[in-house]
Amino acid sequence: MNDDLLSARLEALRAEHRILDAQLAALQAEPNSNQLERARLKRSKLRLKDQIAVLEDELHPDIIA
Protein backbone atom coordinates (compact mmCIF):
# COMPACT_ATOMS: atom_id res chain seq x y z
CA MET A 1 0.00 0.00 0.00
CA ASN A 2 1.32 3.45 -0.76
CA ASP A 3 1.76 6.16 1.87
CA ASP A 4 -1.34 8.12 0.81
CA LEU A 5 -3.59 5.09 1.22
CA LEU A 6 -1.96 4.22 4.54
CA SER A 7 -2.42 7.78 5.78
CA ALA A 8 -6.07 7.81 4.73
CA ARG A 9 -6.71 4.45 6.41
CA LEU A 10 -4.88 5.63 9.53
CA GLU A 11 -7.03 8.75 9.75
CA ALA A 12 -10.21 6.70 9.28
CA LEU A 13 -9.18 4.37 12.11
CA ARG A 14 -8.39 7.32 14.37
CA ALA A 15 -11.80 8.85 13.63
CA GLU A 16 -13.51 5.55 14.42
CA HIS A 17 -11.50 5.33 17.66
CA ARG A 18 -12.68 8.83 18.67
CA ILE A 19 -16.30 7.86 17.98
CA LEU A 20 -15.98 4.74 20.14
CA ASP A 21 -14.34 6.83 22.85
CA ALA A 22 -17.29 9.22 22.87
CA GLN A 23 -19.78 6.34 22.96
CA LEU A 24 -17.92 4.74 25.84
CA ALA A 25 -17.82 8.02 27.77
CA ALA A 26 -21.57 8.42 27.29
CA LEU A 27 -22.18 4.89 28.54
CA GLN A 28 -19.96 5.40 31.57
CA ALA A 29 -21.87 8.56 32.45
CA GLU A 30 -25.05 6.53 32.81
CA PRO A 31 -25.43 5.05 36.30
CA ASN A 32 -27.03 1.79 35.12
CA SER A 33 -25.17 1.29 31.87
CA ASN A 34 -24.87 -2.10 30.21
CA GLN A 35 -21.60 -3.71 31.32
CA LEU A 36 -21.45 -5.99 28.29
CA GLU A 37 -21.79 -3.06 25.91
CA ARG A 38 -19.05 -1.19 27.76
CA ALA A 39 -16.75 -4.21 27.52
CA ARG A 40 -17.52 -4.59 23.81
CA LEU A 41 -16.68 -0.94 23.16
CA LYS A 42 -13.43 -1.23 25.13
CA ARG A 43 -12.38 -4.30 23.13
CA SER A 44 -13.19 -2.51 19.87
CA LYS A 45 -11.14 0.49 20.95
CA LEU A 46 -8.18 -1.74 21.81
CA ARG A 47 -8.43 -3.54 18.47
CA LEU A 48 -8.45 -0.19 16.66
CA LYS A 49 -5.50 1.01 18.74
CA ASP A 50 -3.52 -2.06 17.66
CA GLN A 51 -4.42 -1.49 14.00
CA ILE A 52 -3.41 2.17 14.32
CA ALA A 53 -0.05 1.16 15.80
CA VAL A 54 0.62 -1.26 12.93
CA LEU A 55 -0.15 1.38 10.31
CA GLU A 56 1.96 3.99 12.12
CA ASP A 57 4.86 1.53 12.12
CA GLU A 58 4.42 0.98 8.38
CA LEU A 59 4.39 4.72 7.71
CA HIS A 60 7.22 5.59 10.10
CA PRO A 61 9.39 2.53 10.71
CA ASP A 62 12.06 2.67 13.39
CA ILE A 63 15.40 2.54 11.63
CA ILE A 64 18.24 1.46 13.85
CA ALA A 65 21.48 2.90 12.56
PDB file of N, CA and C in Angstrom:
ATOM      1  N   MET A   1       0.841  -1.176   0.000  1.00  0.00           N
ATOM      2  CA  MET A   1       0.000   0.000   0.000  1.00  0.00           C
ATOM      3  C   MET A   1       0.885   1.238   0.000  1.00  0.00           C
ATOM      4  N   ASN A   2       0.482   2.252  -0.754  1.00  0.00           N
ATOM      5  CA  ASN A   2       1.320   3.451  -0.761  1.00  0.00           C
ATOM      6  C   ASN A   2       1.012   4.324   0.453  1.00  0.00           C
ATOM      7  N   ASP A   3       1.868   5.325   0.667  1.00  0.00           N
ATOM      8  CA  ASP A   3       1.760   6.163   1.868  1.00  0.00           C
ATOM      9  C   ASP A   3       0.450   6.927   1.943  1.00  0.00           C
ATOM     10  N   ASP A   4      -0.077   7.373   0.796  1.00  0.00           N
ATOM     11  CA  ASP A   4      -1.337   8.117   0.808  1.00  0.00           C
ATOM     12  C   ASP A   4      -2.492   7.240   1.271  1.00  0.00           C
ATOM     13  N   LEU A   5      -2.531   6.011   0.793  1.00  0.00           N
ATOM     14  CA  LEU A   5      -3.588   5.091   1.224  1.00  0.00           C
ATOM     15  C   LEU A   5      -3.444   4.730   2.698  1.00  0.00           C
ATOM     16  N   LEU A   6      -2.203   4.523   3.134  1.00  0.00           N
ATOM     17  CA  LEU A   6      -1.964   4.219   4.539  1.00  0.00           C
ATOM     18  C   LEU A   6      -2.380   5.386   5.430  1.00  0.00           C
ATOM     19  N   SER A   7      -2.051   6.596   5.003  1.00  0.00           N
ATOM     20  CA  SER A   7      -2.423   7.776   5.781  1.00  0.00           C
ATOM     21  C   SER A   7      -3.935   7.937   5.864  1.00  0.00           C
ATOM     22  N   ALA A   8      -4.614   7.698   4.750  1.00  0.00           N
ATOM     23  CA  ALA A   8      -6.070   7.809   4.735  1.00  0.00           C
ATOM     24  C   ALA A   8      -6.696   6.750   5.636  1.00  0.00           C
ATOM     25  N   ARG A   9      -6.193   5.533   5.567  1.00  0.00           N
ATOM     26  CA  ARG A   9      -6.709   4.446   6.409  1.00  0.00           C
ATOM     27  C   ARG A   9      -6.438   4.742   7.884  1.00  0.00           C
ATOM     28  N   LEU A  10      -5.249   5.281   8.165  1.00  0.00           N
ATOM     29  CA  LEU A  10      -4.882   5.626   9.529  1.00  0.00           C
ATOM     30  C   LEU A  10      -5.826   6.687  10.094  1.00  0.00           C
ATOM     31  N   GLU A  11      -6.126   7.690   9.300  1.00  0.00           N
ATOM     32  CA  GLU A  11      -7.034   8.750   9.755  1.00  0.00           C
ATOM     33  C   GLU A  11      -8.444   8.214   9.969  1.00  0.00           C
ATOM     34  N   ALA A  12      -8.877   7.300   9.119  1.00  0.00           N
ATOM     35  CA  ALA A  12     -10.205   6.699   9.279  1.00  0.00           C
ATOM     36  C   ALA A  12     -10.270   5.892  10.571  1.00  0.00           C
ATOM     37  N   LEU A  13      -9.222   5.153  10.868  1.00  0.00           N
ATOM     38  CA  LEU A  13      -9.185   4.369  12.107  1.00  0.00           C
ATOM     39  C   LEU A  13      -9.170   5.283  13.335  1.00  0.00           C
ATOM     40  N   ARG A  14      -8.426   6.377  13.251  1.00  0.00           N
ATOM     41  CA  ARG A  14      -8.390   7.322  14.371  1.00  0.00           C
ATOM     42  C   ARG A  14      -9.765   7.952  14.599  1.00  0.00           C
ATOM     43  N   ALA A  15     -10.459   8.275  13.511  1.00  0.00           N
ATOM     44  CA  ALA A  15     -11.803   8.853  13.635  1.00  0.00           C
ATOM     45  C   ALA A  15     -12.758   7.847  14.274  1.00  0.00           C
ATOM     46  N   GLU A  16     -12.664   6.594  13.848  1.00  0.00           N
ATOM     47  CA  GLU A  16     -13.508   5.550  14.424  1.00  0.00           C
ATOM     48  C   GLU A  16     -13.195   5.358  15.915  1.00  0.00           C
ATOM     49  N   HIS A  17     -11.918   5.456  16.268  1.00  0.00           N
ATOM     50  CA  HIS A  17     -11.500   5.332  17.661  1.00  0.00           C
ATOM     51  C   HIS A  17     -12.093   6.469  18.498  1.00  0.00           C
ATOM     52  N   ARG A  18     -12.089   7.692  17.947  1.00  0.00           N
ATOM     53  CA  ARG A  18     -12.675   8.831  18.667  1.00  0.00           C
ATOM     54  C   ARG A  18     -14.174   8.646  18.875  1.00  0.00           C
ATOM     55  N   ILE A  19     -14.856   8.106  17.874  1.00  0.00           N
ATOM     56  CA  ILE A  19     -16.296   7.858  17.984  1.00  0.00           C
ATOM     57  C   ILE A  19     -16.569   6.839  19.089  1.00  0.00           C
ATOM     58  N   LEU A  20     -15.803   5.756  19.089  1.00  0.00           N
ATOM     59  CA  LEU A  20     -15.975   4.743  20.136  1.00  0.00           C
ATOM     60  C   LEU A  20     -15.675   5.320  21.519  1.00  0.00           C
ATOM     61  N   ASP A  21     -14.688   6.193  21.593  1.00  0.00           N
ATOM     62  CA  ASP A  21     -14.343   6.826  22.854  1.00  0.00           C
ATOM     63  C   ASP A  21     -15.507   7.667  23.371  1.00  0.00           C
ATOM     64  N   ALA A  22     -16.142   8.401  22.473  1.00  0.00           N
ATOM     65  CA  ALA A  22     -17.293   9.217  22.870  1.00  0.00           C
ATOM     66  C   ALA A  22     -18.466   8.347  23.304  1.00  0.00           C
ATOM     67  N   GLN A  23     -18.697   7.257  22.585  1.00  0.00           N
ATOM     68  CA  GLN A  23     -19.776   6.344  22.957  1.00  0.00           C
ATOM     69  C   GLN A  23     -19.513   5.721  24.326  1.00  0.00           C
ATOM     70  N   LEU A  24     -18.281   5.345  24.562  1.00  0.00           N
ATOM     71  CA  LEU A  24     -17.923   4.744  25.843  1.00  0.00           C
ATOM     72  C   LEU A  24     -18.088   5.755  26.978  1.00  0.00           C
ATOM     73  N   ALA A  25     -17.670   6.987  26.746  1.00  0.00           N
ATOM     74  CA  ALA A  25     -17.822   8.023  27.770  1.00  0.00           C
ATOM     75  C   ALA A  25     -19.297   8.254  28.085  1.00  0.00           C
ATOM     76  N   ALA A  26     -20.137   8.241  27.067  1.00  0.00           N
ATOM     77  CA  ALA A  26     -21.573   8.420  27.287  1.00  0.00           C
ATOM     78  C   ALA A  26     -22.149   7.263  28.098  1.00  0.00           C
ATOM     79  N   LEU A  27     -21.707   6.049  27.794  1.00  0.00           N
ATOM     80  CA  LEU A  27     -22.183   4.887  28.544  1.00  0.00           C
ATOM     81  C   LEU A  27     -21.726   4.937  29.999  1.00  0.00           C
ATOM     82  N   GLN A  28     -20.498   5.361  30.205  1.00  0.00           N
ATOM     83  CA  GLN A  28     -19.962   5.401  31.565  1.00  0.00           C
ATOM     84  C   GLN A  28     -20.634   6.487  32.391  1.00  0.00           C
ATOM     85  N   ALA A  29     -21.179   7.493  31.738  1.00  0.00           N
ATOM     86  CA  ALA A  29     -21.868   8.564  32.454  1.00  0.00           C
ATOM     87  C   ALA A  29     -23.230   8.106  32.976  1.00  0.00           C
ATOM     88  N   GLU A  30     -23.774   7.063  32.362  1.00  0.00           N
ATOM     89  CA  GLU A  30     -25.055   6.529  32.805  1.00  0.00           C
ATOM     90  C   GLU A  30     -24.838   5.638  34.029  1.00  0.00           C
ATOM     91  N   PRO A  31     -25.642   5.842  35.079  1.00  0.00           N
ATOM     92  CA  PRO A  31     -25.429   5.049  36.300  1.00  0.00           C
ATOM     93  C   PRO A  31     -25.715   3.552  36.129  1.00  0.00           C
ATOM     94  N   ASN A  32     -26.675   3.197  35.308  1.00  0.00           N
ATOM     95  CA  ASN A  32     -27.028   1.785  35.119  1.00  0.00           C
ATOM     96  C   ASN A  32     -26.708   1.321  33.704  1.00  0.00           C
ATOM     97  N   SER A  33     -25.515   1.650  33.246  1.00  0.00           N
ATOM     98  CA  SER A  33     -25.165   1.291  31.867  1.00  0.00           C
ATOM     99  C   SER A  33     -24.913  -0.211  31.730  1.00  0.00           C
ATOM    100  N   ASN A  34     -25.042  -0.686  30.532  1.00  0.00           N
ATOM    101  CA  ASN A  34     -24.875  -2.101  30.210  1.00  0.00           C
ATOM    102  C   ASN A  34     -23.382  -2.461  30.246  1.00  0.00           C
ATOM    103  N   GLN A  35     -23.006  -3.324  31.160  1.00  0.00           N
ATOM    104  CA  GLN A  35     -21.602  -3.705  31.321  1.00  0.00           C
ATOM    105  C   GLN A  35     -21.066  -4.448  30.096  1.00  0.00           C
ATOM    106  N   LEU A  36     -21.894  -5.249  29.477  1.00  0.00           N
ATOM    107  CA  LEU A  36     -21.450  -5.991  28.288  1.00  0.00           C
ATOM    108  C   LEU A  36     -21.166  -5.040  27.128  1.00  0.00           C
ATOM    109  N   GLU A  37     -22.005  -4.041  26.980  1.00  0.00           N
ATOM    110  CA  GLU A  37     -21.790  -3.058  25.915  1.00  0.00           C
ATOM    111  C   GLU A  37     -20.515  -2.265  26.169  1.00  0.00           C
ATOM    112  N   ARG A  38     -20.278  -1.911  27.417  1.00  0.00           N
ATOM    113  CA  ARG A  38     -19.049  -1.189  27.760  1.00  0.00           C
ATOM    114  C   ARG A  38     -17.822  -2.038  27.450  1.00  0.00           C
ATOM    115  N   ALA A  39     -17.876  -3.306  27.789  1.00  0.00           N
ATOM    116  CA  ALA A  39     -16.752  -4.208  27.519  1.00  0.00           C
ATOM    117  C   ALA A  39     -16.532  -4.364  26.021  1.00  0.00           C
ATOM    118  N   ARG A  40     -17.626  -4.460  25.261  1.00  0.00           N
ATOM    119  CA  ARG A  40     -17.518  -4.589  23.805  1.00  0.00           C
ATOM    120  C   ARG A  40     -16.852  -3.349  23.204  1.00  0.00           C
ATOM    121  N   LEU A  41     -17.266  -2.174  23.670  1.00  0.00           N
ATOM    122  CA  LEU A  41     -16.678  -0.938  23.165  1.00  0.00           C
ATOM    123  C   LEU A  41     -15.189  -0.847  23.523  1.00  0.00           C
ATOM    124  N   LYS A  42     -14.840  -1.258  24.725  1.00  0.00           N
ATOM    125  CA  LYS A  42     -13.433  -1.226  25.133  1.00  0.00           C
ATOM    126  C   LYS A  42     -12.590  -2.165  24.272  1.00  0.00           C
ATOM    127  N   ARG A  43     -13.116  -3.359  23.991  1.00  0.00           N
ATOM    128  CA  ARG A  43     -12.377  -4.298  23.130  1.00  0.00           C
ATOM    129  C   ARG A  43     -12.218  -3.736  21.727  1.00  0.00           C
ATOM    130  N   SER A  44     -13.259  -3.108  21.210  1.00  0.00           N
ATOM    131  CA  SER A  44     -13.190  -2.515  19.875  1.00  0.00           C
ATOM    132  C   SER A  44     -12.152  -1.399  19.835  1.00  0.00           C
ATOM    133  N   LYS A  45     -12.138  -0.583  20.882  1.00  0.00           N
ATOM    134  CA  LYS A  45     -11.137   0.494  20.953  1.00  0.00           C
ATOM    135  C   LYS A  45      -9.723  -0.072  20.975  1.00  0.00           C
ATOM    136  N   LEU A  46      -9.509  -1.138  21.744  1.00  0.00           N
ATOM    137  CA  LEU A  46      -8.178  -1.744  21.810  1.00  0.00           C
ATOM    138  C   LEU A  46      -7.763  -2.338  20.468  1.00  0.00           C
ATOM    139  N   ARG A  47      -8.717  -2.971  19.789  1.00  0.00           N
ATOM    140  CA  ARG A  47      -8.426  -3.541  18.467  1.00  0.00           C
ATOM    141  C   ARG A  47      -8.035  -2.429  17.499  1.00  0.00           C
ATOM    142  N   LEU A  48      -8.774  -1.320  17.528  1.00  0.00           N
ATOM    143  CA  LEU A  48      -8.446  -0.192  16.659  1.00  0.00           C
ATOM    144  C   LEU A  48      -7.077   0.390  17.010  1.00  0.00           C
ATOM    145  N   LYS A  49      -6.799   0.483  18.308  1.00  0.00           N
ATOM    146  CA  LYS A  49      -5.504   1.007  18.743  1.00  0.00           C
ATOM    147  C   LYS A  49      -4.363   0.155  18.195  1.00  0.00           C
ATOM    148  N   ASP A  50      -4.536  -1.160  18.214  1.00  0.00           N
ATOM    149  CA  ASP A  50      -3.520  -2.056  17.657  1.00  0.00           C
ATOM    150  C   ASP A  50      -3.363  -1.853  16.152  1.00  0.00           C
ATOM    151  N   GLN A  51      -4.478  -1.719  15.447  1.00  0.00           N
ATOM    152  CA  GLN A  51      -4.423  -1.493  13.998  1.00  0.00           C
ATOM    153  C   GLN A  51      -3.743  -0.159  13.693  1.00  0.00           C
ATOM    154  N   ILE A  52      -4.029   0.856  14.494  1.00  0.00           N
ATOM    155  CA  ILE A  52      -3.407   2.166  14.317  1.00  0.00           C
ATOM    156  C   ILE A  52      -1.898   2.052  14.514  1.00  0.00           C
ATOM    157  N   ALA A  53      -1.481   1.326  15.530  1.00  0.00           N
ATOM    158  CA  ALA A  53      -0.050   1.163  15.802  1.00  0.00           C
ATOM    159  C   ALA A  53       0.658   0.468  14.643  1.00  0.00           C
ATOM    160  N   VAL A  54       0.019  -0.541  14.066  1.00  0.00           N
ATOM    161  CA  VAL A  54       0.617  -1.260  12.934  1.00  0.00           C
ATOM    162  C   VAL A  54       0.787  -0.317  11.741  1.00  0.00           C
ATOM    163  N   LEU A  55      -0.239   0.459  11.439  1.00  0.00           N
ATOM    164  CA  LEU A  55      -0.147   1.383  10.307  1.00  0.00           C
ATOM    165  C   LEU A  55       0.879   2.479  10.560  1.00  0.00           C
ATOM    166  N   GLU A  56       0.955   2.977  11.794  1.00  0.00           N
ATOM    167  CA  GLU A  56       1.959   3.990  12.115  1.00  0.00           C
ATOM    168  C   GLU A  56       3.363   3.431  11.928  1.00  0.00           C
ATOM    169  N   ASP A  57       3.563   2.165  12.304  1.00  0.00           N
ATOM    170  CA  ASP A  57       4.864   1.530  12.116  1.00  0.00           C
ATOM    171  C   ASP A  57       5.197   1.379  10.635  1.00  0.00           C
ATOM    172  N   GLU A  58       4.193   1.091   9.819  1.00  0.00           N
ATOM    173  CA  GLU A  58       4.421   0.976   8.377  1.00  0.00           C
ATOM    174  C   GLU A  58       4.777   2.333   7.778  1.00  0.00           C
ATOM    175  N   LEU A  59       4.125   3.385   8.249  1.00  0.00           N
ATOM    176  CA  LEU A  59       4.392   4.720   7.710  1.00  0.00           C
ATOM    177  C   LEU A  59       5.712   5.285   8.214  1.00  0.00           C
ATOM    178  N   HIS A  60       6.017   5.032   9.485  1.00  0.00           N
ATOM    179  CA  HIS A  60       7.217   5.591  10.104  1.00  0.00           C
ATOM    180  C   HIS A  60       7.994   4.500  10.822  1.00  0.00           C
ATOM    181  N   PRO A  61       8.663   3.639  10.052  1.00  0.00           N
ATOM    182  CA  PRO A  61       9.387   2.532  10.710  1.00  0.00           C
ATOM    183  C   PRO A  61      10.587   3.054  11.507  1.00  0.00           C
ATOM    184  N   ASP A  62      10.874   2.352  12.605  1.00  0.00           N
ATOM    185  CA  ASP A  62      12.060   2.674  13.392  1.00  0.00           C
ATOM    186  C   ASP A  62      13.269   2.104  12.669  1.00  0.00           C
ATOM    187  N   ILE A  63      14.183   2.990  12.330  1.00  0.00           N
ATOM    188  CA  ILE A  63      15.401   2.541  11.631  1.00  0.00           C
ATOM    189  C   ILE A  63      16.559   2.636  12.620  1.00  0.00           C
ATOM    190  N   ILE A  64      17.112   1.496  12.925  1.00  0.00           N
ATOM    191  CA  ILE A  64      18.236   1.459  13.846  1.00  0.00           C
ATOM    192  C   ILE A  64      19.511   1.580  13.024  1.00  0.00           C
ATOM    193  N   ALA A  65      20.252   2.645  13.325  1.00  0.00           N
ATOM    194  CA  ALA A  65      21.479   2.902  12.557  1.00  0.00           C
ATOM    195  C   ALA A  65      22.679   2.315  13.257  1.00  0.00           C
TER     196      ALA A  65
END
